[in-house]
Amino acid sequence: MKIVKWVIKSLVISLVLLFIINFVGSYININIPVNIITIITIMILRLPGAIALIILFLI
Protein backbone atom coordinates (compact mmCIF):
# COMPACT_ATOMS: atom_id res chain seq x y z
CA MET A 1 0.00 0.00 0.00
CA LYS A 2 2.91 2.30 0.74
CA ILE A 3 4.31 1.84 -2.77
CA VAL A 4 0.97 2.67 -4.38
CA LYS A 5 0.72 5.90 -2.37
CA TRP A 6 4.29 6.84 -3.36
CA VAL A 7 3.61 6.17 -7.07
CA ILE A 8 0.39 8.19 -7.09
CA LYS A 9 1.97 11.07 -5.18
CA SER A 10 5.01 11.06 -7.46
CA LEU A 11 2.82 10.93 -10.55
CA VAL A 12 0.79 13.95 -9.45
CA ILE A 13 3.92 15.91 -8.50
CA SER A 14 5.64 15.09 -11.79
CA LEU A 15 2.61 16.07 -13.89
CA VAL A 16 2.16 19.35 -12.04
CA LEU A 17 5.87 20.11 -12.31
CA LEU A 18 5.90 19.28 -16.01
CA PHE A 19 2.92 21.51 -16.76
CA ILE A 20 4.41 24.37 -14.72
CA ILE A 21 7.69 24.06 -16.61
CA ASN A 22 5.84 24.06 -19.94
CA PHE A 23 3.68 27.04 -18.94
CA VAL A 24 6.59 29.16 -17.72
CA GLY A 25 8.84 27.83 -20.46
CA SER A 26 6.47 28.98 -23.17
CA TYR A 27 7.69 32.52 -22.52
CA ILE A 28 11.34 31.54 -23.01
CA ASN A 29 10.74 28.90 -25.70
CA ILE A 30 11.19 25.71 -23.65
CA ASN A 31 8.81 22.85 -24.38
CA ILE A 32 9.19 19.47 -22.72
CA PRO A 33 6.88 16.85 -24.24
CA VAL A 34 4.45 15.15 -21.88
CA ASN A 35 5.09 11.46 -22.48
CA ILE A 36 5.79 8.39 -20.39
CA ILE A 37 9.59 8.78 -20.48
CA THR A 38 9.59 12.36 -19.20
CA ILE A 39 6.97 11.58 -16.57
CA ILE A 40 8.91 8.58 -15.25
CA THR A 41 12.14 10.60 -15.24
CA ILE A 42 10.57 13.32 -13.12
CA MET A 43 8.77 10.73 -10.96
CA ILE A 44 12.02 9.02 -10.01
CA LEU A 45 14.45 11.95 -9.91
CA ARG A 46 12.00 14.74 -8.97
CA LEU A 47 13.51 18.25 -9.27
CA PRO A 48 16.98 17.16 -10.48
CA GLY A 49 15.25 15.15 -13.19
CA ALA A 50 13.20 18.18 -14.23
CA ILE A 51 16.34 20.32 -14.38
CA ALA A 52 18.11 17.65 -16.43
CA LEU A 53 15.21 17.55 -18.90
CA ILE A 54 15.25 21.34 -19.21
CA ILE A 55 18.96 21.25 -19.98
CA LEU A 56 18.49 18.37 -22.40
CA PHE A 57 15.77 20.15 -24.36
CA LEU A 58 17.72 23.42 -24.43
CA ILE A 59 20.61 21.77 -26.27
PDB file of N, CA and C in Angstrom:
ATOM      1  N   MET A   1       0.816  -1.185   0.000  1.00  0.00           N
ATOM      2  CA  MET A   1       0.000   0.000   0.000  1.00  0.00           C
ATOM      3  C   MET A   1       0.867   1.259   0.000  1.00  0.00           C
ATOM      4  N   LYS A   2       2.006   1.169   0.671  1.00  0.00           N
ATOM      5  CA  LYS A   2       2.913   2.298   0.736  1.00  0.00           C
ATOM      6  C   LYS A   2       3.466   2.650  -0.644  1.00  0.00           C
ATOM      7  N   ILE A   3       3.750   1.631  -1.430  1.00  0.00           N
ATOM      8  CA  ILE A   3       4.305   1.837  -2.765  1.00  0.00           C
ATOM      9  C   ILE A   3       3.273   2.498  -3.667  1.00  0.00           C
ATOM     10  N   VAL A   4       2.031   2.097  -3.549  1.00  0.00           N
ATOM     11  CA  VAL A   4       0.973   2.667  -4.377  1.00  0.00           C
ATOM     12  C   VAL A   4       0.797   4.153  -4.054  1.00  0.00           C
ATOM     13  N   LYS A   5       0.826   4.505  -2.766  1.00  0.00           N
ATOM     14  CA  LYS A   5       0.725   5.905  -2.375  1.00  0.00           C
ATOM     15  C   LYS A   5       1.895   6.708  -2.908  1.00  0.00           C
ATOM     16  N   TRP A   6       3.109   6.139  -2.859  1.00  0.00           N
ATOM     17  CA  TRP A   6       4.287   6.837  -3.365  1.00  0.00           C
ATOM     18  C   TRP A   6       4.184   7.061  -4.868  1.00  0.00           C
ATOM     19  N   VAL A   7       3.732   6.048  -5.610  1.00  0.00           N
ATOM     20  CA  VAL A   7       3.610   6.169  -7.066  1.00  0.00           C
ATOM     21  C   VAL A   7       2.569   7.220  -7.436  1.00  0.00           C
ATOM     22  N   ILE A   8       1.437   7.213  -6.777  1.00  0.00           N
ATOM     23  CA  ILE A   8       0.391   8.188  -7.090  1.00  0.00           C
ATOM     24  C   ILE A   8       0.844   9.601  -6.740  1.00  0.00           C
ATOM     25  N   LYS A   9       1.470   9.758  -5.587  1.00  0.00           N
ATOM     26  CA  LYS A   9       1.972  11.072  -5.184  1.00  0.00           C
ATOM     27  C   LYS A   9       3.049  11.559  -6.134  1.00  0.00           C
ATOM     28  N   SER A  10       3.950  10.693  -6.528  1.00  0.00           N
ATOM     29  CA  SER A  10       5.013  11.062  -7.458  1.00  0.00           C
ATOM     30  C   SER A  10       4.459  11.394  -8.834  1.00  0.00           C
ATOM     31  N   LEU A  11       3.446  10.670  -9.260  1.00  0.00           N
ATOM     32  CA  LEU A  11       2.820  10.933 -10.550  1.00  0.00           C
ATOM     33  C   LEU A  11       2.168  12.311 -10.572  1.00  0.00           C
ATOM     34  N   VAL A  12       1.451  12.639  -9.521  1.00  0.00           N
ATOM     35  CA  VAL A  12       0.795  13.946  -9.449  1.00  0.00           C
ATOM     36  C   VAL A  12       1.833  15.061  -9.407  1.00  0.00           C
ATOM     37  N   ILE A  13       2.867  14.893  -8.601  1.00  0.00           N
ATOM     38  CA  ILE A  13       3.916  15.907  -8.502  1.00  0.00           C
ATOM     39  C   ILE A  13       4.622  16.084  -9.842  1.00  0.00           C
ATOM     40  N   SER A  14       4.927  14.989 -10.516  1.00  0.00           N
ATOM     41  CA  SER A  14       5.636  15.089 -11.788  1.00  0.00           C
ATOM     42  C   SER A  14       4.776  15.742 -12.862  1.00  0.00           C
ATOM     43  N   LEU A  15       3.485  15.439 -12.902  1.00  0.00           N
ATOM     44  CA  LEU A  15       2.610  16.069 -13.891  1.00  0.00           C
ATOM     45  C   LEU A  15       2.457  17.563 -13.635  1.00  0.00           C
ATOM     46  N   VAL A  16       2.278  17.941 -12.375  1.00  0.00           N
ATOM     47  CA  VAL A  16       2.161  19.354 -12.043  1.00  0.00           C
ATOM     48  C   VAL A  16       3.454  20.084 -12.373  1.00  0.00           C
ATOM     49  N   LEU A  17       4.577  19.500 -12.025  1.00  0.00           N
ATOM     50  CA  LEU A  17       5.872  20.112 -12.315  1.00  0.00           C
ATOM     51  C   LEU A  17       6.101  20.242 -13.807  1.00  0.00           C
ATOM     52  N   LEU A  18       5.730  19.251 -14.563  1.00  0.00           N
ATOM     53  CA  LEU A  18       5.895  19.276 -16.012  1.00  0.00           C
ATOM     54  C   LEU A  18       5.022  20.349 -16.648  1.00  0.00           C
ATOM     55  N   PHE A  19       3.791  20.477 -16.208  1.00  0.00           N
ATOM     56  CA  PHE A  19       2.917  21.507 -16.761  1.00  0.00           C
ATOM     57  C   PHE A  19       3.350  22.913 -16.345  1.00  0.00           C
ATOM     58  N   ILE A  20       3.881  23.069 -15.147  1.00  0.00           N
ATOM     59  CA  ILE A  20       4.408  24.368 -14.721  1.00  0.00           C
ATOM     60  C   ILE A  20       5.618  24.745 -15.558  1.00  0.00           C
ATOM     61  N   ILE A  21       6.506  23.791 -15.786  1.00  0.00           N
ATOM     62  CA  ILE A  21       7.685  24.057 -16.612  1.00  0.00           C
ATOM     63  C   ILE A  21       7.261  24.445 -18.023  1.00  0.00           C
ATOM     64  N   ASN A  22       6.295  23.737 -18.590  1.00  0.00           N
ATOM     65  CA  ASN A  22       5.841  24.064 -19.942  1.00  0.00           C
ATOM     66  C   ASN A  22       5.124  25.405 -19.992  1.00  0.00           C
ATOM     67  N   PHE A  23       4.372  25.753 -18.954  1.00  0.00           N
ATOM     68  CA  PHE A  23       3.678  27.040 -18.941  1.00  0.00           C
ATOM     69  C   PHE A  23       4.665  28.196 -18.836  1.00  0.00           C
ATOM     70  N   VAL A  24       5.582  28.113 -17.886  1.00  0.00           N
ATOM     71  CA  VAL A  24       6.588  29.164 -17.715  1.00  0.00           C
ATOM     72  C   VAL A  24       7.569  29.146 -18.884  1.00  0.00           C
ATOM     73  N   GLY A  25       7.891  27.968 -19.359  1.00  0.00           N
ATOM     74  CA  GLY A  25       8.842  27.832 -20.458  1.00  0.00           C
ATOM     75  C   GLY A  25       8.314  28.321 -21.784  1.00  0.00           C
ATOM     76  N   SER A  26       7.014  28.474 -21.915  1.00  0.00           N
ATOM     77  CA  SER A  26       6.469  28.983 -23.175  1.00  0.00           C
ATOM     78  C   SER A  26       6.911  30.418 -23.425  1.00  0.00           C
ATOM     79  N   TYR A  27       7.222  31.150 -22.372  1.00  0.00           N
ATOM     80  CA  TYR A  27       7.692  32.518 -22.524  1.00  0.00           C
ATOM     81  C   TYR A  27       9.151  32.576 -22.955  1.00  0.00           C
ATOM     82  N   ILE A  28       9.921  31.552 -22.636  1.00  0.00           N
ATOM     83  CA  ILE A  28      11.339  31.536 -23.015  1.00  0.00           C
ATOM     84  C   ILE A  28      11.656  30.404 -23.982  1.00  0.00           C
ATOM     85  N   ASN A  29      10.610  29.883 -24.621  1.00  0.00           N
ATOM     86  CA  ASN A  29      10.740  28.900 -25.697  1.00  0.00           C
ATOM     87  C   ASN A  29      11.330  27.558 -25.239  1.00  0.00           C
ATOM     88  N   ILE A  30      10.835  27.051 -24.119  1.00  0.00           N
ATOM     89  CA  ILE A  30      11.186  25.706 -23.650  1.00  0.00           C
ATOM     90  C   ILE A  30       9.915  24.876 -23.672  1.00  0.00           C
ATOM     91  N   ASN A  31       9.962  23.731 -24.331  1.00  0.00           N
ATOM     92  CA  ASN A  31       8.806  22.852 -24.385  1.00  0.00           C
ATOM     93  C   ASN A  31       9.265  21.421 -24.157  1.00  0.00           C
ATOM     94  N   ILE A  32       8.867  20.848 -23.029  1.00  0.00           N
ATOM     95  CA  ILE A  32       9.191  19.466 -22.721  1.00  0.00           C
ATOM     96  C   ILE A  32       7.952  18.634 -23.034  1.00  0.00           C
ATOM     97  N   PRO A  33       8.061  17.649 -23.900  1.00  0.00           N
ATOM     98  CA  PRO A  33       6.879  16.851 -24.237  1.00  0.00           C
ATOM     99  C   PRO A  33       6.371  16.047 -23.040  1.00  0.00           C
ATOM    100  N   VAL A  34       5.067  15.922 -22.959  1.00  0.00           N
ATOM    101  CA  VAL A  34       4.451  15.151 -21.879  1.00  0.00           C
ATOM    102  C   VAL A  34       4.246  13.739 -22.409  1.00  0.00           C
ATOM    103  N   ASN A  35       5.202  12.866 -22.097  1.00  0.00           N
ATOM    104  CA  ASN A  35       5.085  11.461 -22.479  1.00  0.00           C
ATOM    105  C   ASN A  35       5.569  10.597 -21.317  1.00  0.00           C
ATOM    106  N   ILE A  36       5.501   9.309 -21.488  1.00  0.00           N
ATOM    107  CA  ILE A  36       5.788   8.391 -20.385  1.00  0.00           C
ATOM    108  C   ILE A  36       7.247   8.464 -19.922  1.00  0.00           C
ATOM    109  N   ILE A  37       8.167   8.704 -20.846  1.00  0.00           N
ATOM    110  CA  ILE A  37       9.592   8.776 -20.475  1.00  0.00           C
ATOM    111  C   ILE A  37       9.868   9.993 -19.599  1.00  0.00           C
ATOM    112  N   THR A  38       9.346  11.166 -19.993  1.00  0.00           N
ATOM    113  CA  THR A  38       9.592  12.362 -19.198  1.00  0.00           C
ATOM    114  C   THR A  38       8.876  12.296 -17.850  1.00  0.00           C
ATOM    115  N   ILE A  39       7.702  11.708 -17.833  1.00  0.00           N
ATOM    116  CA  ILE A  39       6.969  11.580 -16.569  1.00  0.00           C
ATOM    117  C   ILE A  39       7.694  10.650 -15.611  1.00  0.00           C
ATOM    118  N   ILE A  40       8.177   9.520 -16.108  1.00  0.00           N
ATOM    119  CA  ILE A  40       8.907   8.581 -15.249  1.00  0.00           C
ATOM    120  C   ILE A  40      10.218   9.188 -14.772  1.00  0.00           C
ATOM    121  N   THR A  41      10.894   9.945 -15.639  1.00  0.00           N
ATOM    122  CA  THR A  41      12.142  10.596 -15.240  1.00  0.00           C
ATOM    123  C   THR A  41      11.899  11.560 -14.093  1.00  0.00           C
ATOM    124  N   ILE A  42      10.864  12.370 -14.189  1.00  0.00           N
ATOM    125  CA  ILE A  42      10.572  13.315 -13.119  1.00  0.00           C
ATOM    126  C   ILE A  42      10.021  12.594 -11.892  1.00  0.00           C
ATOM    127  N   MET A  43       9.287  11.491 -12.098  1.00  0.00           N
ATOM    128  CA  MET A  43       8.774  10.727 -10.956  1.00  0.00           C
ATOM    129  C   MET A  43       9.909  10.174 -10.102  1.00  0.00           C
ATOM    130  N   ILE A  44      10.932   9.666 -10.752  1.00  0.00           N
ATOM    131  CA  ILE A  44      12.018   9.019 -10.013  1.00  0.00           C
ATOM    132  C   ILE A  44      13.011  10.042  -9.469  1.00  0.00           C
ATOM    133  N   LEU A  45      13.393  11.013 -10.298  1.00  0.00           N
ATOM    134  CA  LEU A  45      14.448  11.947  -9.911  1.00  0.00           C
ATOM    135  C   LEU A  45      13.942  13.265  -9.337  1.00  0.00           C
ATOM    136  N   ARG A  46      12.648  13.527  -9.455  1.00  0.00           N
ATOM    137  CA  ARG A  46      11.996  14.742  -8.970  1.00  0.00           C
ATOM    138  C   ARG A  46      12.620  15.996  -9.583  1.00  0.00           C
ATOM    139  N   LEU A  47      13.025  16.975  -8.758  1.00  0.00           N
ATOM    140  CA  LEU A  47      13.513  18.252  -9.267  1.00  0.00           C
ATOM    141  C   LEU A  47      14.812  18.122 -10.063  1.00  0.00           C
ATOM    142  N   PRO A  48      15.789  17.327  -9.633  1.00  0.00           N
ATOM    143  CA  PRO A  48      16.976  17.162 -10.480  1.00  0.00           C
ATOM    144  C   PRO A  48      16.651  16.568 -11.848  1.00  0.00           C
ATOM    145  N   GLY A  49      15.675  15.699 -11.909  1.00  0.00           N
ATOM    146  CA  GLY A  49      15.250  15.146 -13.194  1.00  0.00           C
ATOM    147  C   GLY A  49      14.622  16.210 -14.078  1.00  0.00           C
ATOM    148  N   ALA A  50      13.821  17.092 -13.476  1.00  0.00           N
ATOM    149  CA  ALA A  50      13.205  18.177 -14.234  1.00  0.00           C
ATOM    150  C   ALA A  50      14.267  19.131 -14.767  1.00  0.00           C
ATOM    151  N   ILE A  51      15.254  19.435 -13.948  1.00  0.00           N
ATOM    152  CA  ILE A  51      16.340  20.316 -14.385  1.00  0.00           C
ATOM    153  C   ILE A  51      17.146  19.656 -15.499  1.00  0.00           C
ATOM    154  N   ALA A  52      17.383  18.366 -15.378  1.00  0.00           N
ATOM    155  CA  ALA A  52      18.114  17.648 -16.429  1.00  0.00           C
ATOM    156  C   ALA A  52      17.338  17.650 -17.742  1.00  0.00           C
ATOM    157  N   LEU A  53      16.023  17.507 -17.678  1.00  0.00           N
ATOM    158  CA  LEU A  53      15.206  17.552 -18.897  1.00  0.00           C
ATOM    159  C   LEU A  53      15.208  18.943 -19.518  1.00  0.00           C
ATOM    160  N   ILE A  54      15.174  19.977 -18.684  1.00  0.00           N
ATOM    161  CA  ILE A  54      15.247  21.337 -19.213  1.00  0.00           C
ATOM    162  C   ILE A  54      16.554  21.553 -19.944  1.00  0.00           C
ATOM    163  N   ILE A  55      17.649  21.122 -19.340  1.00  0.00           N
ATOM    164  CA  ILE A  55      18.956  21.254 -19.981  1.00  0.00           C
ATOM    165  C   ILE A  55      19.023  20.436 -21.244  1.00  0.00           C
ATOM    166  N   LEU A  56      18.477  19.228 -21.219  1.00  0.00           N
ATOM    167  CA  LEU A  56      18.490  18.371 -22.399  1.00  0.00           C
ATOM    168  C   LEU A  56      17.726  18.985 -23.559  1.00  0.00           C
ATOM    169  N   PHE A  57      16.564  19.569 -23.283  1.00  0.00           N
ATOM    170  CA  PHE A  57      15.769  20.152 -24.362  1.00  0.00           C
ATOM    171  C   PHE A  57      16.233  21.544 -24.769  1.00  0.00           C
ATOM    172  N   LEU A  58      17.130  22.149 -24.000  1.00  0.00           N
ATOM    173  CA  LEU A  58      17.718  23.416 -24.426  1.00  0.00           C
ATOM    174  C   LEU A  58      18.843  23.207 -25.431  1.00  0.00           C
ATOM    175  N   ILE A  59      19.464  22.041 -25.395  1.00  0.00           N
ATOM    176  CA  ILE A  59      20.607  21.768 -26.270  1.00  0.00           C
ATOM    177  C   ILE A  59      20.141  21.539 -27.687  1.00  0.00           C
TER     178      ILE A  59
END
